[in-house]
């Protein structure tokens, strides 16, 4: 689906206001998030390993020599399709793996949207969070073979392969899905279990992916509210993050702050837009949880490659984790 990129000059100026300073100490730091389990393996074991790794997140050496800065910016890349089609919505397997490697070398560590929104990212010292997001629940994001294992040619499969050699950069992402997600509807429950076992989350992207600005209030509430009810029925507990289709808000912006739908309160934990720069730290006075920018995963102007190149030049003011108090 097409998307719009709108660059706010004030945001860009703030991002450039200070260089991140310093550089990663290693692309494969001794501080890691725990080894990945085999695909489709014991989910309880995966969750236990993940919890142990999280609790030990600050026990190793600093990931980078950057000075701590809890007010810097956070990258929220936005992925859609995997493939060779010449379209900014697509990236090749090679490009995706390259981006993973670049972010890893820069000391970025993946967190979910919920962890970012709650400011509970549990990062190693010197690390910078990155919120990996995948929209629409496209089949190429997560596919299973006949034996129920993740195929190596989907986003999750490629990332798992990378994480086996780079356990400090585990598969941890937020998938903003439509009602029928990832194809293979008979395997939907298993796919949900696999993602949750890896530490990922599934979140709201409406029912039919409409331009919410073209709907009246009741129609917009139906799109957001019905999608949330479906997620709740899958065992996903609110508050649930929301990604707006095309990054377009409903005409009544107040709906994003909460409304009643079929006897339940629908109040997104945070609302993510489309394009075209890093998001404010949850500690920043500029943090607006109902209007959070993302970075398109593309080589286009203001896409992910553009922003990673600026990090290399120390021209992005990044969030950097410092020591936490006992």
Protein backbone atom coordinates (compact mmCIF):
# COMPACT_ATOMS: atom_id res chain seq x y z
CA UNK A 1 0.00 0.00 0.00
CA UNK A 2 1.29 3.47 -0.81
CA UNK A 3 2.42 5.72 1.97
CA UNK A 4 3.15 9.40 2.45
CA UNK A 5 6.36 10.81 3.80
CA UNK A 6 6.13 14.17 5.51
CA UNK A 7 9.27 15.61 7.09
CA UNK A 8 8.73 18.07 9.93
CA UNK A 9 11.48 20.67 9.80
CA UNK A 10 11.40 21.23 13.52
CA UNK A 11 11.89 17.52 14.25
CA UNK A 12 14.78 17.26 11.82
CA UNK A 13 16.48 20.28 13.34
CA UNK A 14 16.15 18.75 16.79
CA UNK A 15 17.58 15.43 15.62
CA UNK A 16 20.61 17.20 14.15
CA UNK A 17 21.04 19.48 17.16
CA UNK A 18 23.79 17.34 18.65
CA UNK A 19 25.95 14.50 17.39
CA UNK A 20 25.70 11.20 19.20
CA UNK A 21 29.39 11.28 20.16
CA UNK A 22 31.60 8.24 20.49
CA UNK A 23 31.31 4.98 18.63
CA UNK A 24 30.41 1.35 19.23
CA UNK A 25 33.02 -0.69 21.01
CA UNK A 26 32.07 -3.81 19.09
CA UNK A 27 29.49 -5.05 16.64
CA UNK A 28 29.18 -8.27 18.65
CA UNK A 29 29.44 -7.01 22.20
CA UNK A 30 30.12 -9.24 25.15
CA UNK A 31 26.86 -7.82 26.48
CA UNK A 32 24.20 -9.88 24.79
CA UNK A 33 20.52 -10.62 25.08
CA UNK A 34 20.81 -14.40 25.18
CA UNK A 35 21.05 -17.04 22.48
CA UNK A 36 18.08 -17.64 20.22
CA UNK A 37 16.18 -20.89 20.55
CA UNK A 38 15.51 -23.12 17.57
CA UNK A 39 12.57 -22.00 15.45
CA UNK A 40 9.35 -23.58 16.58
CA UNK A 41 11.06 -24.98 19.68
CA UNK A 42 10.01 -24.90 23.30
CA UNK A 43 8.39 -21.50 23.81
CA UNK A 44 8.60 -21.70 27.61
CA UNK A 45 12.34 -22.27 27.32
CA UNK A 46 12.62 -19.33 24.94
CA UNK A 47 10.73 -17.04 27.32
CA UNK A 48 12.80 -18.17 30.30
CA UNK A 49 16.05 -17.56 28.42
CA UNK A 50 14.79 -14.15 27.33
CA UNK A 51 13.87 -13.16 30.90
CA UNK A 52 17.27 -14.25 32.20
CA UNK A 53 19.01 -12.32 29.46
CA UNK A 54 16.96 -9.21 30.16
CA UNK A 55 17.75 -9.31 33.88
CA UNK A 56 21.45 -9.49 33.07
CA UNK A 57 21.29 -6.71 30.46
CA UNK A 58 23.49 -4.32 32.42
CA UNK A 59 26.00 -6.82 33.75
CA UNK A 60 28.53 -6.67 30.90
CA UNK A 61 30.81 -3.96 29.52
CA UNK A 62 29.29 -0.91 27.80
CA UNK A 63 28.02 -1.57 24.29
CA UNK A 64 29.50 1.73 23.05
CA UNK A 65 31.65 4.52 24.46
CA UNK A 66 28.91 7.11 23.90
CA UNK A 67 27.98 9.28 26.84
CA UNK A 68 24.65 8.37 28.47
CA UNK A 69 21.77 10.45 27.16
CA UNK A 70 18.20 9.45 28.07
CA UNK A 71 16.78 12.34 26.04
CA UNK A 72 18.17 11.42 22.62
CA UNK A 73 16.17 10.17 19.65
CA UNK A 74 15.02 6.62 18.96
CA UNK A 75 14.87 4.90 15.56
CA UNK A 76 11.51 3.27 14.72
CA UNK A 77 12.03 1.58 11.32
CA UNK A 78 8.92 0.56 9.39
CA UNK A 79 9.00 -2.57 7.19
CA UNK A 80 6.36 -3.89 4.81
CA UNK A 81 7.45 -6.38 2.13
CA UNK A 82 10.44 -8.55 1.37
CA UNK A 83 11.41 -8.96 -2.28
CA UNK A 84 13.18 -7.53 -5.30
CA UNK A 85 10.34 -5.34 -6.57
CA UNK A 86 11.53 -1.81 -7.25
CA UNK A 87 9.23 -0.14 -4.79
CA UNK A 88 10.10 1.67 -1.52
CA UNK A 89 7.70 -0.66 0.28
CA UNK A 90 10.00 -3.61 -0.55
CA UNK A 91 13.49 -4.49 0.58
CA UNK A 92 15.64 -7.41 -0.52
CA UNK A 93 16.82 -10.07 1.91
CA UNK A 94 20.36 -8.74 1.47
CA UNK A 95 19.27 -5.19 2.30
CA UNK A 96 17.38 -6.31 5.40
CA UNK A 97 20.35 -8.29 6.70
CA UNK A 98 22.64 -5.33 5.97
CA UNK A 99 20.44 -3.02 8.02
CA UNK A 100 20.43 -5.48 10.91
CA UNK A 101 24.23 -5.61 10.82
CA UNK A 102 24.56 -1.83 10.64
CA UNK A 103 22.24 -1.23 13.58
CA UNK A 104 24.00 -3.93 15.59
CA UNK A 105 27.43 -2.39 14.93
CA UNK A 106 26.08 1.01 15.97
CA UNK A 107 25.13 -0.37 19.38
CA UNK A 108 21.40 -0.43 18.74
CA UNK A 109 19.37 -3.06 20.57
CA UNK A 110 15.77 -3.99 19.65
CA UNK A 111 12.87 -3.25 21.98
CA UNK A 112 9.12 -3.48 21.42
CA UNK A 113 6.85 -0.50 20.93
CA UNK A 114 5.28 -1.23 24.31
CA UNK A 115 8.65 -1.22 26.06
CA UNK A 116 9.52 2.09 24.42
CA UNK A 117 6.16 3.65 25.26
CA UNK A 118 6.36 2.52 28.89
CA UNK A 119 10.01 3.60 29.08
CA UNK A 120 10.95 0.10 30.29
CA UNK A 121 13.56 -0.83 27.71
CA UNK A 122 16.06 -2.59 29.99
CA UNK A 123 19.10 -1.86 27.83
CA UNK A 124 22.79 -2.56 28.38
CA UNK A 125 24.91 0.48 29.26
CA UNK A 126 25.93 2.36 26.12
CA UNK A 127 23.15 0.87 24.00
CA UNK A 128 20.59 2.73 21.90
CA UNK A 129 17.07 1.31 21.51
CA UNK A 130 15.58 0.57 18.11
CA UNK A 131 11.87 -0.22 17.73
CA UNK A 132 11.52 -2.55 14.75
CA UNK A 133 7.97 -2.39 13.31
CA UNK A 134 6.31 -4.43 10.58
CA UNK A 135 3.02 -3.31 9.04
CA UNK A 136 0.00 -5.08 7.52
CA UNK A 137 0.87 -8.65 8.56
CA UNK A 138 2.12 -9.48 5.06
CA UNK A 139 2.87 -13.17 4.39
CA UNK A 140 6.56 -12.51 3.71
CA UNK A 141 7.00 -11.31 7.29
CA UNK A 142 6.44 -14.76 8.85
CA UNK A 143 5.95 -18.06 7.03
CA UNK A 144 5.99 -21.65 8.28
CA UNK A 145 6.98 -24.76 6.35
CA UNK A 146 5.08 -28.05 6.37
CA UNK A 147 6.74 -29.03 9.67
CA UNK A 148 5.73 -25.80 11.39
CA UNK A 149 9.19 -24.20 11.33
CA UNK A 150 9.85 -20.63 10.27
CA UNK A 151 11.07 -20.54 6.68
CA UNK A 152 14.49 -18.95 6.11
CA UNK A 153 13.26 -16.59 3.39
CA UNK A 154 10.83 -14.45 5.43
CA UNK A 155 11.70 -11.46 7.62
CA UNK A 156 11.60 -13.46 10.86
CA UNK A 157 13.62 -16.30 9.34
CA UNK A 158 16.32 -13.95 8.06
CA UNK A 159 16.48 -12.19 11.42
CA UNK A 160 16.71 -15.49 13.31
CA UNK A 161 19.64 -16.52 11.15
CA UNK A 162 21.37 -13.20 11.89
CA UNK A 163 20.62 -13.46 15.62
CA UNK A 164 22.27 -16.88 15.88
CA UNK A 165 25.60 -15.18 15.16
CA UNK A 166 24.63 -11.92 16.89
CA UNK A 167 22.61 -12.89 19.98
CA UNK A 168 22.88 -9.32 21.28
CA UNK A 169 20.43 -8.36 18.50
CA UNK A 170 17.53 -10.83 19.02
CA UNK A 171 14.26 -11.02 17.12
CA UNK A 172 12.23 -8.47 19.05
CA UNK A 173 9.72 -6.40 17.11
CA UNK A 174 6.19 -5.06 16.94
CA UNK A 175 3.90 -6.38 14.20
CA UNK A 176 1.01 -4.03 13.37
CA UNK A 177 -1.43 -6.44 11.76
CA UNK A 178 -4.72 -6.53 9.90
CA UNK A 179 -7.30 -9.20 10.89
CA UNK A 180 -5.95 -11.96 8.64
CA UNK A 181 -2.20 -11.73 9.08
CA UNK A 182 0.85 -13.51 7.67
CA UNK A 183 -1.29 -15.72 5.39
CA UNK A 184 -1.63 -19.41 6.32
CA UNK A 185 -4.72 -18.75 8.49
CA UNK A 186 -4.66 -22.26 9.99
CA UNK A 187 -1.23 -21.47 11.46
CA UNK A 188 -2.16 -18.09 12.92
CA UNK A 189 -2.23 -19.27 16.55
CA UNK A 190 1.14 -20.98 16.18
CA UNK A 191 2.66 -17.88 14.58
CA UNK A 192 1.37 -15.76 17.45
CA UNK A 193 2.96 -18.21 19.90
CA UNK A 194 6.29 -18.13 18.06
CA UNK A 195 6.39 -14.33 18.00
CA UNK A 196 5.46 -13.98 21.66
CA UNK A 197 8.04 -16.61 22.61
CA UNK A 198 10.70 -14.57 20.85
CA UNK A 199 9.72 -11.44 22.75
CA UNK A 200 7.76 -9.80 19.93
CA UNK A 201 4.31 -8.25 20.15
CA UNK A 202 1.28 -8.02 17.87
CA UNK A 203 -0.51 -4.69 17.71
CA UNK A 204 -3.33 -2.73 16.04
CA UNK A 205 -3.36 -1.56 12.41
CA UNK A 206 -7.19 -1.27 12.02
CA UNK A 207 -9.54 -3.66 10.20
CA UNK A 208 -9.45 -2.58 6.52
CA UNK A 209 -6.49 -0.15 6.41
CA UNK A 210 -8.56 2.92 5.49
CA UNK A 211 -7.64 6.58 5.29
CA UNK A 212 -9.10 7.44 8.69
CA UNK A 213 -9.42 11.12 7.75
CA UNK A 214 -12.10 10.16 5.22
CA UNK A 215 -14.26 8.49 7.87
CA UNK A 216 -16.68 9.95 10.37
CA UNK A 217 -16.12 9.38 14.09
CA UNK A 218 -18.27 6.25 14.29
CA UNK A 219 -16.55 4.68 11.30
CA UNK A 220 -13.08 5.48 12.67
CA UNK A 221 -14.06 4.03 16.06
CA UNK A 222 -15.25 0.85 14.32
CA UNK A 223 -11.94 0.43 12.49
CA UNK A 224 -9.78 0.92 15.58
CA UNK A 225 -12.13 -0.57 18.16
CA UNK A 226 -13.05 -3.75 16.27
CA UNK A 227 -9.38 -4.41 15.54
CA UNK A 228 -8.56 -4.10 19.23
CA UNK A 229 -11.37 -6.46 20.23
CA UNK A 230 -10.00 -9.07 17.83
CA UNK A 231 -6.56 -8.74 19.40
CA UNK A 232 -8.02 -8.99 22.92
CA UNK A 233 -9.84 -12.17 21.87
CA UNK A 234 -6.42 -13.54 20.87
CA UNK A 235 -5.23 -12.99 24.42
CA UNK A 236 -3.39 -9.70 23.78
CA UNK A 237 -3.99 -7.39 26.71
CA UNK A 238 -4.57 -3.64 26.36
CA UNK A 239 -3.29 -1.02 26.22
CA UNK A 240 -2.22 -1.92 22.67
CA UNK A 241 -0.13 0.30 20.38
CA UNK A 242 -1.71 1.51 17.13
CA UNK A 243 -0.09 2.25 13.76
CA UNK A 244 -2.20 4.52 11.58
CA UNK A 245 -2.80 3.39 7.98
CA UNK A 246 -0.80 5.70 5.70
CA UNK A 247 0.17 7.58 8.87
CA UNK A 248 -3.07 9.60 8.60
CA UNK A 249 -4.98 10.54 11.75
CA UNK A 250 -8.78 10.65 11.96
CA UNK A 251 -10.35 14.06 11.60
CA UNK A 252 -11.15 14.00 15.30
CA UNK A 253 -7.66 13.58 16.77
CA UNK A 254 -9.11 13.12 20.24
CA UNK A 255 -10.30 9.63 19.26
CA UNK A 256 -6.69 8.48 19.47
CA UNK A 257 -6.67 9.32 23.17
CA UNK A 258 -9.49 6.87 23.87
CA UNK A 259 -13.17 6.12 23.31
CA UNK A 260 -15.82 3.63 24.39
CA UNK A 261 -16.52 0.78 21.98
CA UNK A 262 -19.02 -2.02 22.68
CA UNK A 263 -18.70 -1.53 26.42
CA UNK A 264 -14.90 -1.44 26.45
CA UNK A 265 -12.44 1.42 26.63
CA UNK A 266 -10.21 1.61 23.58
CA UNK A 267 -7.16 3.69 24.50
CA UNK A 268 -4.03 3.06 22.42
CA UNK A 269 -0.80 2.93 24.41
CA UNK A 270 0.77 4.98 21.64
CA UNK A 271 0.09 5.96 18.04
CA UNK A 272 2.68 5.58 15.29
CA UNK A 273 2.74 7.59 12.07
CA UNK A 274 4.59 7.14 8.74
CA UNK A 275 7.95 8.86 8.06
CA UNK A 276 10.30 10.45 8.15
CA UNK A 277 12.70 10.70 11.08
CA UNK A 278 13.61 9.33 14.54
CA UNK A 279 11.11 9.50 17.40
CA UNK A 280 11.63 11.47 20.62
CA UNK A 281 12.78 9.71 23.74
CA UNK A 282 9.96 8.89 26.16
CA UNK A 283 11.87 11.16 28.57
CA UNK A 284 11.76 14.12 26.19
CA UNK A 285 9.36 17.05 26.68
CA UNK A 286 8.67 16.70 22.94
CA UNK A 287 7.40 13.13 23.34
CA UNK A 288 3.81 12.91 22.07
CA UNK A 289 2.59 9.33 22.41
CA UNK A 290 -0.28 10.02 19.99
CA UNK A 291 1.94 11.25 17.16
CA UNK A 292 5.16 9.21 16.94
CA UNK A 293 7.20 9.28 13.71
CA UNK A 294 8.78 6.28 12.06
CA UNK A 295 11.49 5.77 9.46
CA UNK A 296 10.60 3.98 6.22
CA UNK A 297 12.89 1.00 5.60
CA UNK A 298 14.12 2.13 2.21
CA UNK A 299 16.98 3.76 0.36
CA UNK A 300 14.76 6.72 -0.49
CA UNK A 301 15.37 10.24 0.88
CA UNK A 302 14.85 10.24 4.66
CA UNK A 303 14.65 6.43 4.62
CA UNK A 304 16.52 4.07 6.93
CA UNK A 305 19.75 4.08 4.93
CA UNK A 306 19.79 7.90 4.99
CA UNK A 307 19.44 8.05 8.78
CA UNK A 308 21.96 5.28 9.47
CA UNK A 309 24.49 7.12 7.32
CA UNK A 310 23.95 10.21 9.48
CA UNK A 311 24.60 8.15 12.62
CA UNK A 312 27.93 7.08 11.12
CA UNK A 313 28.78 10.77 10.73
CA UNK A 314 27.79 11.50 14.36
CA UNK A 315 25.02 13.79 13.16
CA UNK A 316 22.12 12.23 15.05
CA UNK A 317 21.41 12.93 18.70
CA UNK A 318 20.72 9.37 19.89
CA UNK A 319 19.24 7.99 23.08
CA UNK A 320 22.05 6.24 24.96
CA UNK A 321 21.46 4.07 28.01
CA UNK A 322 23.38 4.91 31.18
CA UNK A 323 23.78 2.85 34.35
CA UNK A 324 20.55 2.24 36.23
CA UNK A 325 20.17 2.77 39.94
CA UNK A 326 20.22 -0.40 42.10
